[in-house]
Amino acid sequence: MVDNETDNMERKTYYVSVAAGQILEDQHAAAYELVVKMNEEEHVKLRELFDELSSMDEAEMYHFSSSLFGSASDKEMNAGYDELIQRIYKRIYELGTDSTKQHIESMGLF
C-alpha cells in the first residue's frame, strides 16, 4: 500500500501577509492578513509563489527605470502580476481557515 506522504505530514498554523510576501509561524512577529494550515511541502510551494512575486516586482522596477522601450508593455506586466496574485490567493484559500476563506471570498477575486 502506497501512502501519500503529503497527507501524512503534520500541518502547522501559519500567518500570511500577501502584501509583505511573508509566511510567519509566530502571529506576533509581524502584521498578517490571513491564517493557513499547511505541511512543509505546501509551505515550500507557497513560499515559491511569493518568491516569484518578489522577482516579478524586481523585474517591474527594472523595466520602469530602464529605457522607455522595454520588452514588455505595462498591460502585459500587469496581467502577469494579476495572474500570479490570483494563484497566490487561490493557494491560500485552499489552505486557509474558515475565516480566511470567507475573507478571500469577500474580496471577489475569483
N, C-alpha and C. Protein backbone atom coordinates (compact mmCIF):
# COMPACT_ATOMS: atom_id res chain seq x y z
N MET A 1 0.84 -1.19 0.00
CA MET A 1 0.00 0.00 0.00
C MET A 1 0.88 1.24 0.00
N VAL A 2 0.60 2.17 -0.89
CA VAL A 2 1.37 3.39 -1.00
C VAL A 2 0.59 4.53 -0.37
N ASP A 3 1.19 5.15 0.64
CA ASP A 3 0.55 6.30 1.29
C ASP A 3 1.03 7.58 0.64
N ASN A 4 0.16 8.54 0.57
CA ASN A 4 0.53 9.86 0.09
C ASN A 4 1.23 10.59 1.23
N GLU A 5 2.53 10.83 1.08
CA GLU A 5 3.30 11.45 2.15
C GLU A 5 2.78 12.84 2.50
N THR A 6 2.26 13.56 1.51
CA THR A 6 1.75 14.90 1.77
C THR A 6 0.61 14.87 2.79
N ASP A 7 -0.27 13.88 2.67
CA ASP A 7 -1.39 13.78 3.60
C ASP A 7 -0.93 13.41 5.00
N ASN A 8 0.18 12.71 5.10
CA ASN A 8 0.67 12.25 6.40
C ASN A 8 1.54 13.27 7.10
N MET A 9 1.96 14.29 6.41
CA MET A 9 2.82 15.30 7.03
C MET A 9 2.00 16.17 7.98
N GLU A 10 2.62 16.56 9.06
CA GLU A 10 1.95 17.38 10.06
C GLU A 10 1.65 18.78 9.53
N ARG A 11 0.43 19.21 9.74
CA ARG A 11 0.03 20.56 9.36
C ARG A 11 0.25 21.50 10.55
N LYS A 12 0.79 22.67 10.23
CA LYS A 12 1.01 23.70 11.24
C LYS A 12 0.26 24.95 10.83
N THR A 13 -0.01 25.80 11.79
CA THR A 13 -0.67 27.07 11.52
C THR A 13 0.38 28.11 11.16
N TYR A 14 0.11 28.84 10.08
CA TYR A 14 0.98 29.93 9.64
C TYR A 14 0.13 31.18 9.45
N TYR A 15 0.80 32.32 9.56
CA TYR A 15 0.16 33.62 9.44
C TYR A 15 0.77 34.30 8.22
N VAL A 16 -0.08 34.66 7.26
CA VAL A 16 0.39 35.10 5.95
C VAL A 16 0.06 36.57 5.71
N SER A 17 1.05 37.28 5.21
CA SER A 17 0.84 38.64 4.72
C SER A 17 1.17 38.65 3.24
N VAL A 18 0.15 38.76 2.42
CA VAL A 18 0.36 38.81 0.97
C VAL A 18 1.09 40.10 0.62
N ALA A 19 0.69 41.19 1.23
CA ALA A 19 1.30 42.49 0.93
C ALA A 19 2.80 42.49 1.19
N ALA A 20 3.22 41.84 2.26
CA ALA A 20 4.64 41.80 2.61
C ALA A 20 5.34 40.56 2.05
N GLY A 21 4.57 39.63 1.51
CA GLY A 21 5.15 38.40 0.99
C GLY A 21 5.74 37.53 2.09
N GLN A 22 5.08 37.51 3.24
CA GLN A 22 5.60 36.79 4.40
C GLN A 22 4.71 35.63 4.81
N ILE A 23 5.38 34.57 5.28
CA ILE A 23 4.71 33.43 5.88
C ILE A 23 5.34 33.26 7.25
N LEU A 24 4.57 33.51 8.29
CA LEU A 24 5.10 33.54 9.66
C LEU A 24 4.57 32.39 10.50
N GLU A 25 5.42 31.87 11.38
CA GLU A 25 4.96 30.86 12.34
C GLU A 25 4.45 31.54 13.62
N ASP A 26 4.98 32.71 13.92
CA ASP A 26 4.61 33.45 15.13
C ASP A 26 3.67 34.59 14.74
N GLN A 27 2.43 34.51 15.20
CA GLN A 27 1.46 35.53 14.81
C GLN A 27 1.79 36.91 15.37
N HIS A 28 2.69 36.99 16.32
CA HIS A 28 3.06 38.28 16.91
C HIS A 28 4.33 38.86 16.27
N ALA A 29 4.93 38.16 15.33
CA ALA A 29 6.18 38.60 14.72
C ALA A 29 6.00 39.81 13.81
N ALA A 30 4.87 39.89 13.14
CA ALA A 30 4.60 40.99 12.22
C ALA A 30 3.12 40.98 11.88
N ALA A 31 2.69 42.04 11.21
CA ALA A 31 1.29 42.10 10.78
C ALA A 31 1.02 41.04 9.73
N TYR A 32 -0.17 40.47 9.77
CA TYR A 32 -0.56 39.46 8.79
C TYR A 32 -2.03 39.65 8.49
N GLU A 33 -2.46 39.11 7.34
CA GLU A 33 -3.86 39.23 6.94
C GLU A 33 -4.63 37.92 7.03
N LEU A 34 -3.95 36.80 6.82
CA LEU A 34 -4.64 35.53 6.64
C LEU A 34 -3.98 34.41 7.43
N VAL A 35 -4.78 33.40 7.78
CA VAL A 35 -4.28 32.26 8.55
C VAL A 35 -4.48 30.99 7.72
N VAL A 36 -3.43 30.19 7.63
CA VAL A 36 -3.50 28.93 6.88
C VAL A 36 -2.96 27.80 7.73
N LYS A 37 -3.31 26.58 7.35
CA LYS A 37 -2.75 25.38 7.96
C LYS A 37 -2.15 24.57 6.83
N MET A 38 -0.84 24.29 6.94
CA MET A 38 -0.18 23.58 5.86
C MET A 38 0.99 22.76 6.38
N ASN A 39 1.36 21.77 5.57
CA ASN A 39 2.52 20.96 5.89
C ASN A 39 3.75 21.59 5.24
N GLU A 40 4.89 20.98 5.43
CA GLU A 40 6.14 21.55 4.94
C GLU A 40 6.17 21.68 3.42
N GLU A 41 5.67 20.69 2.71
CA GLU A 41 5.66 20.73 1.25
C GLU A 41 4.78 21.88 0.75
N GLU A 42 3.62 22.04 1.36
CA GLU A 42 2.72 23.14 0.98
C GLU A 42 3.35 24.49 1.31
N HIS A 43 4.07 24.55 2.42
CA HIS A 43 4.77 25.77 2.82
C HIS A 43 5.80 26.15 1.76
N VAL A 44 6.56 25.18 1.31
CA VAL A 44 7.58 25.43 0.29
C VAL A 44 6.93 25.94 -1.00
N LYS A 45 5.84 25.33 -1.41
CA LYS A 45 5.17 25.75 -2.65
C LYS A 45 4.62 27.17 -2.55
N LEU A 46 4.04 27.52 -1.40
CA LEU A 46 3.54 28.89 -1.22
C LEU A 46 4.71 29.87 -1.19
N ARG A 47 5.80 29.49 -0.54
CA ARG A 47 6.99 30.35 -0.48
C ARG A 47 7.51 30.59 -1.91
N GLU A 48 7.48 29.56 -2.75
CA GLU A 48 7.93 29.72 -4.13
C GLU A 48 7.07 30.72 -4.89
N LEU A 49 5.77 30.72 -4.63
CA LEU A 49 4.89 31.71 -5.28
C LEU A 49 5.25 33.12 -4.83
N PHE A 50 5.51 33.29 -3.53
CA PHE A 50 5.91 34.61 -3.04
C PHE A 50 7.27 35.03 -3.61
N ASP A 51 8.19 34.08 -3.76
CA ASP A 51 9.49 34.39 -4.37
C ASP A 51 9.31 34.82 -5.82
N GLU A 52 8.40 34.16 -6.53
CA GLU A 52 8.11 34.52 -7.91
C GLU A 52 7.53 35.94 -7.97
N LEU A 53 6.66 36.26 -7.03
CA LEU A 53 6.08 37.61 -6.97
C LEU A 53 7.16 38.65 -6.69
N SER A 54 8.06 38.33 -5.79
CA SER A 54 9.16 39.24 -5.48
C SER A 54 10.05 39.46 -6.71
N SER A 55 10.34 38.39 -7.43
CA SER A 55 11.14 38.50 -8.66
C SER A 55 10.43 39.36 -9.69
N MET A 56 9.11 39.20 -9.77
CA MET A 56 8.34 39.98 -10.72
C MET A 56 8.37 41.46 -10.34
N ASP A 57 8.29 41.75 -9.04
CA ASP A 57 8.37 43.14 -8.57
C ASP A 57 9.72 43.75 -8.95
N GLU A 58 10.78 42.98 -8.78
CA GLU A 58 12.11 43.48 -9.14
C GLU A 58 12.22 43.72 -10.64
N ALA A 59 11.68 42.82 -11.43
CA ALA A 59 11.72 42.98 -12.89
C ALA A 59 10.91 44.21 -13.31
N GLU A 60 9.79 44.41 -12.63
CA GLU A 60 8.94 45.56 -12.94
C GLU A 60 9.67 46.86 -12.62
N MET A 61 10.37 46.90 -11.49
CA MET A 61 11.13 48.09 -11.12
C MET A 61 12.21 48.36 -12.17
N TYR A 62 12.90 47.33 -12.60
CA TYR A 62 13.94 47.48 -13.61
C TYR A 62 13.33 47.98 -14.92
N HIS A 63 12.20 47.41 -15.29
CA HIS A 63 11.52 47.79 -16.53
C HIS A 63 11.19 49.28 -16.54
N PHE A 64 10.66 49.77 -15.43
CA PHE A 64 10.25 51.16 -15.39
C PHE A 64 11.42 52.13 -15.21
N SER A 65 12.54 51.63 -14.68
CA SER A 65 13.68 52.52 -14.51
C SER A 65 14.61 52.51 -15.72
N SER A 66 14.43 51.55 -16.62
CA SER A 66 15.27 51.48 -17.82
C SER A 66 14.63 52.29 -18.95
N SER A 67 14.99 51.98 -20.14
CA SER A 67 14.53 52.77 -21.28
C SER A 67 13.01 52.74 -21.44
N LEU A 68 12.53 53.68 -22.20
CA LEU A 68 11.10 53.75 -22.49
C LEU A 68 10.66 52.63 -23.42
N PHE A 69 11.59 51.93 -24.01
CA PHE A 69 11.29 50.91 -25.00
C PHE A 69 11.56 49.52 -24.44
N GLY A 70 11.02 49.22 -23.27
CA GLY A 70 11.20 47.91 -22.65
C GLY A 70 10.55 46.82 -23.48
N SER A 71 10.84 45.58 -23.12
CA SER A 71 10.35 44.45 -23.91
C SER A 71 8.89 44.11 -23.62
N ALA A 72 8.39 44.46 -22.45
CA ALA A 72 7.00 44.14 -22.11
C ALA A 72 6.23 45.42 -21.85
N SER A 73 5.00 45.45 -22.32
CA SER A 73 4.17 46.63 -22.10
C SER A 73 3.67 46.62 -20.65
N ASP A 74 3.18 47.77 -20.21
CA ASP A 74 2.60 47.86 -18.87
C ASP A 74 1.45 46.87 -18.73
N LYS A 75 0.64 46.77 -19.78
CA LYS A 75 -0.52 45.88 -19.76
C LYS A 75 -0.08 44.42 -19.59
N GLU A 76 0.96 44.02 -20.31
CA GLU A 76 1.47 42.64 -20.21
C GLU A 76 2.02 42.37 -18.81
N MET A 77 2.76 43.33 -18.28
CA MET A 77 3.34 43.14 -16.94
C MET A 77 2.24 43.08 -15.89
N ASN A 78 1.24 43.95 -16.00
CA ASN A 78 0.13 43.93 -15.04
C ASN A 78 -0.65 42.63 -15.12
N ALA A 79 -0.85 42.11 -16.32
CA ALA A 79 -1.58 40.86 -16.49
C ALA A 79 -0.83 39.71 -15.81
N GLY A 80 0.48 39.68 -15.96
CA GLY A 80 1.29 38.65 -15.32
C GLY A 80 1.24 38.76 -13.81
N TYR A 81 1.31 39.98 -13.31
CA TYR A 81 1.24 40.23 -11.88
C TYR A 81 -0.12 39.80 -11.32
N ASP A 82 -1.18 40.20 -12.00
CA ASP A 82 -2.54 39.86 -11.57
C ASP A 82 -2.75 38.35 -11.54
N GLU A 83 -2.23 37.66 -12.56
CA GLU A 83 -2.37 36.20 -12.63
C GLU A 83 -1.64 35.54 -11.45
N LEU A 84 -0.47 36.04 -11.12
CA LEU A 84 0.29 35.48 -10.01
C LEU A 84 -0.39 35.75 -8.67
N ILE A 85 -0.92 36.94 -8.49
CA ILE A 85 -1.66 37.27 -7.26
C ILE A 85 -2.87 36.33 -7.12
N GLN A 86 -3.56 36.08 -8.22
CA GLN A 86 -4.70 35.15 -8.17
C GLN A 86 -4.25 33.75 -7.77
N ARG A 87 -3.12 33.29 -8.31
CA ARG A 87 -2.60 31.97 -7.95
C ARG A 87 -2.28 31.91 -6.47
N ILE A 88 -1.70 32.98 -5.94
CA ILE A 88 -1.36 33.03 -4.52
C ILE A 88 -2.62 32.97 -3.67
N TYR A 89 -3.62 33.79 -4.00
CA TYR A 89 -4.85 33.78 -3.21
C TYR A 89 -5.60 32.46 -3.33
N LYS A 90 -5.57 31.83 -4.50
CA LYS A 90 -6.22 30.52 -4.65
C LYS A 90 -5.55 29.49 -3.75
N ARG A 91 -4.22 29.54 -3.71
CA ARG A 91 -3.48 28.60 -2.87
C ARG A 91 -3.78 28.86 -1.39
N ILE A 92 -3.79 30.12 -0.99
CA ILE A 92 -4.10 30.46 0.39
C ILE A 92 -5.52 30.04 0.73
N TYR A 93 -6.44 30.23 -0.21
CA TYR A 93 -7.83 29.81 0.00
C TYR A 93 -7.90 28.31 0.26
N GLU A 94 -7.19 27.52 -0.53
CA GLU A 94 -7.18 26.07 -0.37
C GLU A 94 -6.66 25.65 1.01
N LEU A 95 -5.70 26.39 1.53
CA LEU A 95 -5.05 26.05 2.79
C LEU A 95 -5.62 26.79 3.99
N GLY A 96 -6.50 27.75 3.72
CA GLY A 96 -6.96 28.67 4.75
C GLY A 96 -7.96 28.11 5.73
N THR A 97 -8.04 28.81 6.85
CA THR A 97 -9.05 28.53 7.84
C THR A 97 -10.39 29.02 7.30
N ASP A 98 -11.47 28.71 7.99
CA ASP A 98 -12.80 29.17 7.53
C ASP A 98 -12.84 30.69 7.42
N SER A 99 -12.27 31.40 8.40
CA SER A 99 -12.31 32.87 8.34
C SER A 99 -11.45 33.40 7.20
N THR A 100 -10.35 32.73 6.90
CA THR A 100 -9.52 33.13 5.77
C THR A 100 -10.28 32.94 4.47
N LYS A 101 -10.96 31.82 4.34
CA LYS A 101 -11.75 31.55 3.12
C LYS A 101 -12.85 32.59 2.96
N GLN A 102 -13.53 32.94 4.06
CA GLN A 102 -14.58 33.95 4.00
C GLN A 102 -14.02 35.30 3.56
N HIS A 103 -12.86 35.65 4.11
CA HIS A 103 -12.24 36.92 3.75
C HIS A 103 -11.90 36.97 2.26
N ILE A 104 -11.30 35.88 1.75
CA ILE A 104 -10.92 35.85 0.33
C ILE A 104 -12.17 35.88 -0.55
N GLU A 105 -13.21 35.16 -0.15
CA GLU A 105 -14.46 35.19 -0.91
C GLU A 105 -15.02 36.61 -0.97
N SER A 106 -14.92 37.35 0.13
CA SER A 106 -15.45 38.71 0.18
C SER A 106 -14.66 39.66 -0.73
N MET A 107 -13.44 39.28 -1.09
CA MET A 107 -12.61 40.12 -1.97
C MET A 107 -13.06 40.02 -3.42
N GLY A 108 -13.79 38.95 -3.77
CA GLY A 108 -14.30 38.77 -5.13
C GLY A 108 -13.23 38.58 -6.19
N LEU A 109 -12.14 37.93 -5.83
CA LEU A 109 -11.05 37.73 -6.78
C LEU A 109 -11.35 36.65 -7.82
N PHE A 110 -12.11 35.64 -7.40
CA PHE A 110 -12.42 34.52 -8.30
C PHE A 110 -13.72 33.89 -7.91
